[in-house]
Amino acid sequence: MNQQPITTPDRESSAAAPRPFLRAVPTLLFVFLLAGFGHASDRDSSPLPVLSVSVLQFGTAHWELDHILHRELDQKNGYRLELKLVANLPASRLAVTSGSVNGAVADLLWTQSRFEAGTPYRYVPFSSRIGDIVVPEDSDIRSVADLSGKRIGVAGGPDSKGWILLQRVAEQQGITLTESADIQFAAPPLLSQALKREQADVIVTYWHFAARLMGEGGWRSAFGMADLLDALDMDRNLPVLGYVFPADWAADHRSLVDRFAGSLHQAKTELADDSHWQRLRPIMGDPEASVFEALRDGFVTGTPAPQTDKRVADLHRLLTLTGADPDNLMPADLFHRRQP
């Protein structure tokens, strides 16, 4: 039988073989330790809670929410804001009613209607701007009494807050506008064009459309919606627009809603300073200087005052005036009051 000789490895070569591996061991251990420390650090740092809000891409709320993100006011208040930009109001409402976001901007009447339907929302004040009554600069319309016999364009339809308030004040003066004036309902951009083409004598429109008109020049406010509230013996600074969150969700995340409200307050305080606005100009549609200034000033003017029992009572009165069931109004605890 042929036997293969058994060879003995060279002592020197066998001893040298593991040296590169041994040299690598400290390096590998250092890398693993670093990785371990990194993972431990990740475990120790809790992520910030997220609050998602649906907002119109070209809406006024986007201005302050974008400011919050730019200034990191969300993180400074212990949460992370996520925005879902949408093209129209129905899409924004659908986002919050379907649960795809935590909150959205809505007006007081919509929030009340959801409460009556059995789906209450917590209401965090956003703006006290209802709208404006705009006429040509040389118009003779300066009071509610001057509206008789005029062609009135109304934005938002027959259920618009501004239109309802205007009718109530007119009724106090013995005027029924639906009988004594020619009423036209249309979308705000169409109303602005109707006013320019002299197809309407006066329009009742949303405040930012009014601001654009007056910023262009040749148009003025006949009287303000706040004047109508005065005439009805209500506070001029009622938050008629708010951020809404499903009531059950808000109850379970009260601290998060408080933090959001805190960042809103900081944003509004900072935006009272003109220096913050140039950065926002592109998302405002990059308007010319006079329109930009009118929009900026109008937004700041609409900053709501802190909620009080009196303001909540006036909000209830406003809801009743606009057709809500006085025996089934949103309870006071659904109106969020920012924590000091």
Protein backbone atom coordinates (compact mmCIF):
# COMPACT_ATOMS: atom_id res chain seq x y z
CA MET A 1 0.00 0.00 0.00
CA ASN A 2 1.31 3.39 -0.92
CA GLN A 3 1.26 5.84 1.98
CA GLN A 4 1.32 9.55 1.58
CA PRO A 5 3.97 11.12 3.69
CA ILE A 6 2.74 13.22 6.57
CA THR A 7 4.22 16.66 6.42
CA THR A 8 4.78 18.80 9.47
CA PRO A 9 3.93 22.49 9.06
CA ASP A 10 6.74 24.89 9.32
CA ARG A 11 6.78 26.21 12.91
CA GLU A 12 7.60 29.73 11.84
CA SER A 13 4.90 29.98 9.17
CA SER A 14 2.23 28.45 11.45
CA ALA A 15 3.07 30.87 14.22
CA ALA A 16 2.93 33.83 11.85
CA ALA A 17 -0.45 32.94 10.32
CA PRO A 18 -2.80 34.21 13.05
CA ARG A 19 -0.96 37.49 13.68
CA PRO A 20 -3.05 39.66 11.26
CA PHE A 21 -6.24 38.33 12.84
CA LEU A 22 -4.95 39.01 16.35
CA ARG A 23 -4.02 42.54 15.36
CA ALA A 24 -7.58 43.08 14.04
CA VAL A 25 -9.26 41.92 17.23
CA PRO A 26 -8.84 45.19 19.21
CA THR A 27 -10.11 47.22 16.24
CA LEU A 28 -13.14 44.98 15.81
CA LEU A 29 -13.92 45.11 19.50
CA PHE A 30 -13.71 48.93 19.42
CA VAL A 31 -16.12 49.08 16.47
CA PHE A 32 -18.57 46.73 18.19
CA LEU A 33 -18.38 48.76 21.39
CA LEU A 34 -19.09 51.97 19.49
CA ALA A 35 -22.05 50.35 17.78
CA GLY A 36 -23.29 49.13 21.13
CA PHE A 37 -23.03 52.61 22.63
CA GLY A 38 -24.85 54.04 19.61
CA HIS A 39 -27.76 51.62 20.00
CA ALA A 40 -27.87 52.25 23.72
CA SER A 41 -28.06 55.98 23.06
CA ASP A 42 -30.92 55.40 20.60
CA ARG A 43 -32.76 53.38 23.19
CA ASP A 44 -32.28 56.01 25.88
CA SER A 45 -33.57 58.95 23.79
CA SER A 46 -37.35 58.78 23.54
CA PRO A 47 -38.76 60.11 20.23
CA LEU A 48 -40.96 63.19 20.41
CA PRO A 49 -44.70 62.60 20.08
CA VAL A 50 -46.02 63.48 16.64
CA LEU A 51 -49.03 65.71 15.97
CA SER A 52 -50.31 65.71 12.39
CA VAL A 53 -52.44 68.53 10.97
CA SER A 54 -54.17 68.85 7.60
CA VAL A 55 -53.94 72.37 6.20
CA LEU A 56 -54.77 74.11 2.93
CA GLN A 57 -51.57 74.60 0.96
CA PHE A 58 -52.45 78.22 0.23
CA GLY A 59 -54.47 78.81 3.39
CA THR A 60 -53.65 81.35 6.06
CA ALA A 61 -53.08 78.69 8.74
CA HIS A 62 -50.21 77.34 6.66
CA TRP A 63 -48.35 80.59 7.31
CA GLU A 64 -48.13 80.12 11.06
CA LEU A 65 -47.66 76.34 10.92
CA ASP A 66 -44.76 76.80 8.51
CA HIS A 67 -43.31 79.36 10.91
CA ILE A 68 -43.57 76.81 13.74
CA LEU A 69 -41.60 74.30 11.69
CA HIS A 70 -39.01 76.84 10.56
CA ARG A 71 -38.40 78.08 14.10
CA GLU A 72 -38.66 74.54 15.53
CA LEU A 73 -41.27 75.76 17.99
CA ASP A 74 -42.81 72.31 17.91
CA GLN A 75 -39.63 70.60 19.13
CA LYS A 76 -39.01 73.36 21.67
CA ASN A 77 -42.44 72.54 23.08
CA GLY A 78 -41.74 68.81 23.19
CA TYR A 79 -43.51 67.43 20.12
CA ARG A 80 -43.04 67.10 16.36
CA LEU A 81 -45.48 68.75 13.96
CA GLU A 82 -46.30 67.03 10.68
CA LEU A 83 -48.29 68.86 8.01
CA LYS A 84 -50.47 67.28 5.36
CA LEU A 85 -50.99 69.90 2.67
CA VAL A 86 -54.29 69.64 0.77
CA ALA A 87 -55.80 71.60 -2.11
CA ASN A 88 -59.27 72.35 -0.75
CA LEU A 89 -61.40 72.51 2.37
CA PRO A 90 -63.36 69.27 1.82
CA ALA A 91 -60.08 67.34 1.55
CA SER A 92 -58.89 68.86 4.82
CA ARG A 93 -62.11 67.97 6.62
CA LEU A 94 -62.03 64.45 5.21
CA ALA A 95 -58.49 63.99 6.48
CA VAL A 96 -59.50 64.71 10.07
CA THR A 97 -62.88 62.93 9.99
CA SER A 98 -61.27 59.80 8.51
CA GLY A 99 -58.51 59.80 11.11
CA SER A 100 -55.65 60.13 8.63
CA VAL A 101 -54.48 63.20 10.60
CA ASN A 102 -54.98 64.29 14.20
CA GLY A 103 -56.34 67.75 13.43
CA ALA A 104 -57.36 70.33 10.84
CA VAL A 105 -58.60 73.92 10.62
CA ALA A 106 -62.37 74.38 10.70
CA ASP A 107 -64.82 77.11 11.49
CA LEU A 108 -67.07 77.30 14.51
CA LEU A 109 -70.26 76.35 12.67
CA TRP A 110 -68.76 73.17 11.20
CA THR A 111 -67.49 72.14 14.63
CA GLN A 112 -70.93 72.70 16.13
CA SER A 113 -72.57 70.68 13.35
CA ARG A 114 -70.23 67.76 14.07
CA PHE A 115 -71.10 67.98 17.76
CA GLU A 116 -74.80 67.82 16.95
CA ALA A 117 -74.09 64.77 14.75
CA GLY A 118 -72.47 63.00 17.71
CA THR A 119 -68.81 63.47 16.81
CA PRO A 120 -67.46 66.24 19.07
CA TYR A 121 -64.16 68.00 18.46
CA ARG A 122 -61.88 69.94 20.74
CA TYR A 123 -61.55 73.51 19.43
CA VAL A 124 -58.20 75.31 19.70
CA PRO A 125 -58.53 79.02 18.69
CA PHE A 126 -56.84 80.02 15.44
CA SER A 127 -58.31 83.33 14.20
CA SER A 128 -60.94 85.90 15.03
CA ARG A 129 -61.25 87.10 11.41
CA ILE A 130 -64.75 86.42 10.09
CA GLY A 131 -64.60 88.45 6.91
CA ASP A 132 -65.19 91.92 5.57
CA ILE A 133 -67.71 94.01 3.65
CA VAL A 134 -65.92 95.55 0.66
CA VAL A 135 -67.07 98.37 -1.61
CA PRO A 136 -65.42 100.62 -4.22
CA GLU A 137 -63.47 103.51 -2.73
CA ASP A 138 -66.02 106.04 -3.97
CA SER A 139 -69.09 104.07 -2.83
CA ASP A 140 -71.74 105.76 -0.69
CA ILE A 141 -72.21 102.57 1.37
CA ARG A 142 -70.96 103.15 4.91
CA SER A 143 -73.48 101.39 7.13
CA VAL A 144 -75.92 98.51 7.18
CA ALA A 145 -78.78 100.90 6.43
CA ASP A 146 -77.10 101.83 3.13
CA LEU A 147 -77.45 98.25 1.80
CA SER A 148 -81.11 98.49 0.89
CA GLY A 149 -81.60 98.41 -2.87
CA LYS A 150 -78.00 97.32 -3.50
CA ARG A 151 -76.55 94.30 -5.28
CA ILE A 152 -74.84 92.28 -2.56
CA GLY A 153 -72.44 89.44 -3.34
CA VAL A 154 -72.03 86.89 -0.56
CA ALA A 155 -69.23 84.33 -0.19
CA GLY A 156 -69.87 81.02 1.48
CA GLY A 157 -73.56 80.65 0.68
CA PRO A 158 -76.68 81.37 2.75
CA ASP A 159 -75.18 79.75 5.88
CA SER A 160 -72.09 81.98 5.93
CA LYS A 161 -71.43 83.45 9.39
CA GLY A 162 -70.82 86.92 8.01
CA TRP A 163 -74.02 86.92 5.99
CA ILE A 164 -76.09 85.69 8.93
CA LEU A 165 -74.61 88.33 11.24
CA LEU A 166 -75.26 91.03 8.64
CA GLN A 167 -78.90 89.98 8.36
CA ARG A 168 -79.35 89.95 12.14
CA VAL A 169 -77.99 93.49 12.50
CA ALA A 170 -80.17 94.64 9.57
CA GLU A 171 -83.23 93.08 11.23
CA GLN A 172 -82.50 95.13 14.37
CA GLN A 173 -82.86 98.18 12.15
CA GLY A 174 -86.07 96.94 10.55
CA ILE A 175 -84.40 95.86 7.28
CA THR A 176 -84.90 92.47 5.62
CA LEU A 177 -82.00 92.25 3.21
CA THR A 178 -83.36 89.26 1.30
CA GLU A 179 -86.33 91.43 0.33
CA SER A 180 -84.78 94.88 0.01
CA ALA A 181 -81.55 93.95 -1.81
CA ASP A 182 -80.43 91.79 -4.74
CA ILE A 183 -78.44 88.91 -3.24
CA GLN A 184 -75.89 86.87 -5.23
CA PHE A 185 -74.03 83.88 -3.78
CA ALA A 186 -70.71 82.90 -5.35
CA ALA A 187 -67.15 81.80 -4.62
CA PRO A 188 -64.87 84.56 -3.28
CA PRO A 189 -62.71 84.92 -6.44
CA LEU A 190 -65.84 85.33 -8.57
CA LEU A 191 -67.20 87.95 -6.19
CA SER A 192 -63.97 89.93 -6.39
CA GLN A 193 -64.29 89.92 -10.18
CA ALA A 194 -67.97 90.89 -9.98
CA LEU A 195 -67.06 93.89 -7.84
CA LYS A 196 -64.35 94.95 -10.29
CA ARG A 197 -66.73 94.59 -13.24
CA GLU A 198 -69.42 96.61 -11.42
CA GLN A 199 -71.73 93.60 -11.36
CA ALA A 200 -72.06 93.98 -7.59
CA ASP A 201 -72.19 97.07 -5.38
CA VAL A 202 -70.81 95.41 -2.27
CA ILE A 203 -69.45 91.98 -1.35
CA VAL A 204 -69.43 90.09 1.92
CA THR A 205 -66.27 88.04 1.58
CA TYR A 206 -63.53 86.22 3.48
CA TRP A 207 -60.99 88.51 5.09
CA HIS A 208 -57.97 87.50 2.99
CA PHE A 209 -59.85 88.12 -0.27
CA ALA A 210 -60.87 91.49 1.11
CA ALA A 211 -57.27 92.22 2.09
CA ARG A 212 -56.07 91.44 -1.44
CA LEU A 213 -58.65 93.81 -2.92
CA MET A 214 -57.84 96.64 -0.55
CA GLY A 215 -54.13 96.05 -1.00
CA GLU A 216 -54.55 96.50 -4.76
CA GLY A 217 -56.13 99.90 -4.15
CA GLY A 218 -59.49 101.34 -5.17
CA TRP A 219 -61.47 99.34 -2.59
CA ARG A 220 -62.29 99.84 1.07
CA SER A 221 -64.12 98.24 3.95
CA ALA A 222 -67.63 99.65 4.31
CA PHE A 223 -67.65 98.37 7.90
CA GLY A 224 -66.12 95.35 9.56
CA MET A 225 -67.55 92.12 10.86
CA ALA A 226 -66.29 93.12 14.28
CA ASP A 227 -68.67 96.09 14.05
CA LEU A 228 -71.52 93.63 13.56
CA LEU A 229 -70.49 91.75 16.69
CA ASP A 230 -70.44 95.06 18.54
CA ALA A 231 -73.95 95.82 17.31
CA LEU A 232 -75.07 92.45 18.65
CA ASP A 233 -73.39 93.16 22.01
CA MET A 234 -70.76 90.45 21.60
CA ASP A 235 -67.00 90.45 22.02
CA ARG A 236 -65.19 91.71 18.89
CA ASN A 237 -62.40 89.14 19.29
CA LEU A 238 -64.19 85.81 19.07
CA PRO A 239 -62.17 82.87 17.68
CA VAL A 240 -64.47 81.92 14.83
CA LEU A 241 -61.80 79.66 13.28
CA GLY A 242 -59.95 76.95 15.14
CA TYR A 243 -57.82 73.84 14.95
CA VAL A 244 -60.09 70.89 15.66
CA PHE A 245 -59.16 67.50 17.13
CA PRO A 246 -61.51 64.57 17.81
CA ALA A 247 -62.60 65.00 21.42
CA ASP A 248 -61.72 61.45 22.52
CA TRP A 249 -58.27 61.67 20.95
CA ALA A 250 -57.69 65.12 22.48
CA ALA A 251 -58.70 63.84 25.94
CA ASP A 252 -56.13 61.05 25.63
CA HIS A 253 -53.46 63.49 24.37
CA ARG A 254 -54.23 66.58 26.43
CA SER A 255 -50.55 67.35 27.07
CA LEU A 256 -49.79 67.16 23.33
CA VAL A 257 -52.67 69.54 22.51
CA ASP A 258 -51.43 71.92 25.22
CA ARG A 259 -47.94 71.86 23.70
CA PHE A 260 -49.38 72.58 20.26
CA ALA A 261 -51.39 75.49 21.67
CA GLY A 262 -48.22 76.79 23.32
CA SER A 263 -46.32 76.75 20.03
CA LEU A 264 -49.23 78.53 18.31
CA HIS A 265 -49.06 81.29 20.91
CA GLN A 266 -45.32 81.65 20.38
CA ALA A 267 -45.75 81.73 16.60
CA LYS A 268 -48.42 84.43 16.76
CA THR A 269 -46.27 86.48 19.13
CA GLU A 270 -43.28 86.24 16.78
CA LEU A 271 -45.36 86.96 13.68
CA ALA A 272 -46.44 90.25 15.22
CA ASP A 273 -42.89 91.29 14.29
CA ASP A 274 -42.70 92.19 10.58
CA SER A 275 -39.19 90.74 10.26
CA HIS A 276 -40.51 87.15 10.11
CA TRP A 277 -42.83 87.68 7.15
CA GLN A 278 -40.54 87.98 4.14
CA ARG A 279 -39.64 84.31 4.41
CA LEU A 280 -43.36 83.43 4.23
CA ARG A 281 -44.02 85.52 1.14
CA PRO A 282 -43.68 82.63 -1.38
CA ILE A 283 -46.33 80.49 0.35
CA MET A 284 -48.59 83.55 0.44
CA GLY A 285 -48.51 83.56 -3.36
CA ASP A 286 -45.67 86.07 -3.58
CA PRO A 287 -48.05 89.06 -3.71
CA GLU A 288 -47.00 92.59 -4.59
CA ALA A 289 -45.86 94.76 -1.69
CA SER A 290 -49.17 96.47 -0.87
CA VAL A 291 -51.15 93.21 -0.97
CA PHE A 292 -48.45 91.44 1.04
CA GLU A 293 -48.66 94.11 3.74
CA ALA A 294 -52.47 93.96 3.82
CA LEU A 295 -52.41 90.17 4.24
CA ARG A 296 -49.73 90.34 6.91
CA ASP A 297 -51.55 93.03 8.88
CA GLY A 298 -54.89 91.26 8.53
CA PHE A 299 -53.48 88.02 9.84
CA VAL A 300 -51.94 89.70 12.88
CA THR A 301 -55.17 91.60 13.59
CA GLY A 302 -56.99 88.27 13.70
CA THR A 303 -54.90 86.91 16.59
CA PRO A 304 -57.54 85.73 19.08
CA ALA A 305 -57.49 86.90 22.68
CA PRO A 306 -57.27 84.27 25.46
CA GLN A 307 -60.44 82.31 26.02
CA THR A 308 -62.59 83.45 28.93
CA ASP A 309 -66.00 82.43 30.26
CA LYS A 310 -67.44 85.58 28.64
CA ARG A 311 -65.99 84.74 25.22
CA VAL A 312 -67.24 81.16 25.41
CA ALA A 313 -70.68 82.50 26.33
CA ASP A 314 -70.54 84.83 23.31
CA LEU A 315 -69.48 81.93 21.08
CA HIS A 316 -72.58 80.11 22.29
CA ARG A 317 -74.67 83.19 21.45
CA LEU A 318 -73.08 83.35 18.02
CA LEU A 319 -73.91 79.69 17.42
CA THR A 320 -77.51 80.26 18.47
CA LEU A 321 -77.79 83.31 16.19
CA THR A 322 -76.52 81.25 13.28
CA GLY A 323 -79.11 78.53 13.74
CA ALA A 324 -77.69 76.04 16.26
CA ASP A 325 -80.01 74.35 18.74
CA PRO A 326 -79.60 76.37 21.99
CA ASP A 327 -80.26 73.19 23.97
CA ASN A 328 -77.51 71.25 22.20
CA LEU A 329 -74.49 73.55 22.02
CA MET A 330 -70.85 72.50 22.26
CA PRO A 331 -70.02 72.40 25.99
CA ALA A 332 -67.57 74.93 27.35
CA ASP A 333 -64.91 72.30 28.01
CA LEU A 334 -64.54 71.64 24.27
CA PHE A 335 -63.19 75.19 23.84
CA HIS A 336 -59.50 74.82 24.55
CA ARG A 337 -57.88 77.27 26.92
CA ARG A 338 -54.13 77.55 26.61
CA GLN A 339 -52.31 76.58 29.80
CA PRO A 340 -50.15 79.37 31.31
